C-alpha atoms as a PDB file:
ATOM      1  CA  MET A   1      24.622   5.993 -41.890  1.00  0.00           C
ATOM      2  CA  GLY A   2      23.095   6.935 -45.053  1.00  0.00           C
ATOM      3  CA  PRO A   3      19.701   7.625 -46.806  1.00  0.00           C
ATOM      4  CA  PHE A   4      19.438   3.743 -46.898  1.00  0.00           C
ATOM      5  CA  PHE A   5      19.267   3.319 -42.977  1.00  0.00           C
ATOM      6  CA  TRP A   6      16.040   4.436 -43.030  1.00  0.00           C
ATOM      7  CA  TRP A   7      14.192   2.285 -45.810  1.00  0.00           C
ATOM      8  CA  GLY A   8      15.110  -0.792 -44.459  1.00  0.00           C
ATOM      9  CA  GLY A   9      12.975  -0.362 -41.239  1.00  0.00           C
ATOM     10  CA  MET A  10      15.263   0.733 -38.662  1.00  0.00           C
ATOM     11  CA  TRP A  11      12.913   3.871 -38.279  1.00  0.00           C
ATOM     12  CA  ILE A  12      11.579   1.542 -36.119  1.00  0.00           C
ATOM     13  CA  PHE A  13      13.676   1.762 -32.930  1.00  0.00           C
ATOM     14  CA  PRO A  14      13.566   6.419 -32.257  1.00  0.00           C
ATOM     15  CA  ILE A  15      10.064   5.462 -31.841  1.00  0.00           C
ATOM     16  CA  ILE A  16      10.516   2.294 -29.553  1.00  0.00           C
ATOM     17  CA  GLY A  17      13.179   3.791 -27.770  1.00  0.00           C
ATOM     18  CA  VAL A  18      10.414   6.983 -27.281  1.00  0.00           C
ATOM     19  CA  SER A  19       8.495   5.295 -26.205  1.00  0.00           C
ATOM     20  CA  MET A  20       9.840   2.988 -23.148  1.00  0.00           C
ATOM     21  CA  MET A  21      11.164   6.100 -22.641  1.00  0.00           C
ATOM     22  CA  LEU A  22       7.817   7.342 -22.098  1.00  0.00           C
ATOM     23  CA  LEU A  23       6.260   4.220 -20.370  1.00  0.00           C
ATOM     24  CA  MET A  24       9.092   4.103 -17.897  1.00  0.00           C
ATOM     25  CA  MET A  25       8.470   7.878 -17.080  1.00  0.00           C
ATOM     26  CA  TYR A  26       4.700   7.613 -16.903  1.00  0.00           C
ATOM     27  CA  THR A  27       5.105   3.918 -14.508  1.00  0.00           C
ATOM     28  CA  PHE A  28       7.857   5.849 -12.029  1.00  0.00           C
ATOM     29  CA  PHE A  29       6.080   9.845 -12.355  1.00  0.00           C
ATOM     30  CA  GLY A  30       2.961   8.943 -13.275  1.00  0.00           C
ATOM     31  CA  PRO A  31      -1.007   9.300 -10.763  1.00  0.00           C
ATOM     32  CA  LYS A  32      -0.122   5.947  -8.721  1.00  0.00           C
ATOM     33  CA  GLY A  33       2.953   5.764 -10.284  1.00  0.00           C
ATOM     34  CA  LEU A  34       6.365   4.603  -7.501  1.00  0.00           C
ATOM     35  CA  PHE A  35       7.658   7.715  -6.921  1.00  0.00           C
ATOM     36  CA  ARG A  36       4.323   8.824  -5.585  1.00  0.00           C
ATOM     37  CA  ARG A  37       3.954   5.988  -3.761  1.00  0.00           C
ATOM     38  CA  CYS A  38       7.111   5.530  -2.350  1.00  0.00           C
ATOM     39  CA  PHE A  39       8.002   9.294  -1.416  1.00  0.00           C
ATOM     40  CA  VAL A  40       4.898  11.798  -2.010  1.00  0.00           C
ATOM     41  CA  ASP A  41       2.214  10.403  -0.966  1.00  0.00           C
ATOM     42  CA  ASP A  42       2.895   9.261   2.336  1.00  0.00           C
ATOM     43  CA  SER A  43      -0.169  10.747   4.262  1.00  0.00           C
ATOM     44  CA  HIS A  44      -1.736   6.545   3.482  1.00  0.00           C
ATOM     45  CA  HIS A  45       0.903   5.118   5.557  1.00  0.00           C
ATOM     46  CA  GLU A  46       0.217   6.954   8.282  1.00  0.00           C
ATOM     47  CA  MET A  47      -3.146   6.905   8.337  1.00  0.00           C
ATOM     48  CA  GLU A  48      -2.730   2.650   7.804  1.00  0.00           C
ATOM     49  CA  VAL A  49      -0.062   2.557  10.941  1.00  0.00           C
ATOM     50  CA  ASN A  50      -2.305   4.674  13.157  1.00  0.00           C
ATOM     51  CA  GLU A  51      -5.692   2.316  12.637  1.00  0.00           C
ATOM     52  CA  LEU A  52      -3.606  -0.633  12.800  1.00  0.00           C
ATOM     53  CA  GLN A  53      -2.362   0.773  16.240  1.00  0.00           C
ATOM     54  CA  GLN A  54      -5.952   1.565  17.053  1.00  0.00           C
ATOM     55  CA  MET A  55      -6.609  -2.176  16.107  1.00  0.00           C
ATOM     56  CA  ASN A  56      -4.320  -4.125  18.274  1.00  0.00           C
ATOM     57  CA  LYS A  57      -6.003  -2.502  21.801  1.00  0.00           C
ATOM     58  CA  PRO A  58      -7.091  -5.168  24.440  1.00  0.00           C
ATOM     59  CA  GLU A  59      -9.501  -3.412  25.001  1.00  0.00           C
ATOM     60  CA  ASP A  60     -10.449  -3.714  20.549  1.00  0.00           C
ATOM     61  CA  ILE A  61      -8.773  -7.319  21.061  1.00  0.00           C
ATOM     62  CA  LEU A  62     -10.741  -8.042  23.506  1.00  0.00           C
ATOM     63  CA  ASN A  63     -14.321  -6.559  22.634  1.00  0.00           C
ATOM     64  CA  ARG A  64     -14.002  -9.513  19.116  1.00  0.00           C
ATOM     65  CA  ARG A  65     -12.806 -12.189  21.107  1.00  0.00           C
ATOM     66  CA  TYR A  66     -16.349 -11.901  23.342  1.00  0.00           C
ATOM     67  CA  ALA A  67     -18.065 -11.402  19.818  1.00  0.00           C
ATOM     68  CA  ASN A  68     -17.125 -13.711  17.719  1.00  0.00           C
ATOM     69  CA  GLY A  69     -17.824 -16.261  20.714  1.00  0.00           C
ATOM     70  CA  GLU A  70     -14.414 -17.148  21.108  1.00  0.00           C
ATOM     71  CA  ILE A  71     -14.830 -16.657  25.423  1.00  0.00           C
ATOM     72  CA  THR A  72     -17.693 -16.579  27.698  1.00  0.00           C
ATOM     73  CA  ARG A  73     -19.409 -13.359  29.496  1.00  0.00           C
ATOM     74  CA  GLU A  74     -17.733 -14.283  32.241  1.00  0.00           C
ATOM     75  CA  VAL A  75     -14.814 -14.540  31.554  1.00  0.00           C
ATOM     76  CA  PHE A  76     -14.756 -11.120  29.286  1.00  0.00           C
ATOM     77  CA  LEU A  77     -15.899  -9.670  32.251  1.00  0.00           C
ATOM     78  CA  GLN A  78     -13.295 -11.227  34.475  1.00  0.00           C
ATOM     79  CA  MET A  79     -11.012  -9.694  31.541  1.00  0.00           C
ATOM     80  CA  LYS A  80     -11.884  -6.474  31.165  1.00  0.00           C
ATOM     81  CA  GLN A  81     -11.644  -6.234  34.643  1.00  0.00           C
ATOM     82  CA  ASP A  82      -8.123  -6.834  34.762  1.00  0.00           C
ATOM     83  CA  LEU A  83      -6.998  -4.942  31.984  1.00  0.00           C
ATOM     84  CA  TYR A  84      -8.732  -2.096  33.730  1.00  0.00           C
ATOM     85  CA  ASN A  85      -7.142  -3.154  36.513  1.00  0.00           C
ATOM     86  CA  ARG A  86      -3.698  -2.730  35.697  1.00  0.00           C
END
């Protein structure tokens, strides 16, 4: 690798290598990087799990079905009574 190494355009490879390394580091460790999403900021995941558990309570499902018109008032009241008398 004499002085002619840089004249043939080989100077671009170290720049490309450093750029790719910086891009990979930003992708992994950046503000919304893979590392943060998987390991650091787990509170968002816990919040989603709690919201899903609350949404799938039997009372919520029953209220949603009644609100959407899937069941009549009589069926709604009967099912609600059955839920509370378990």
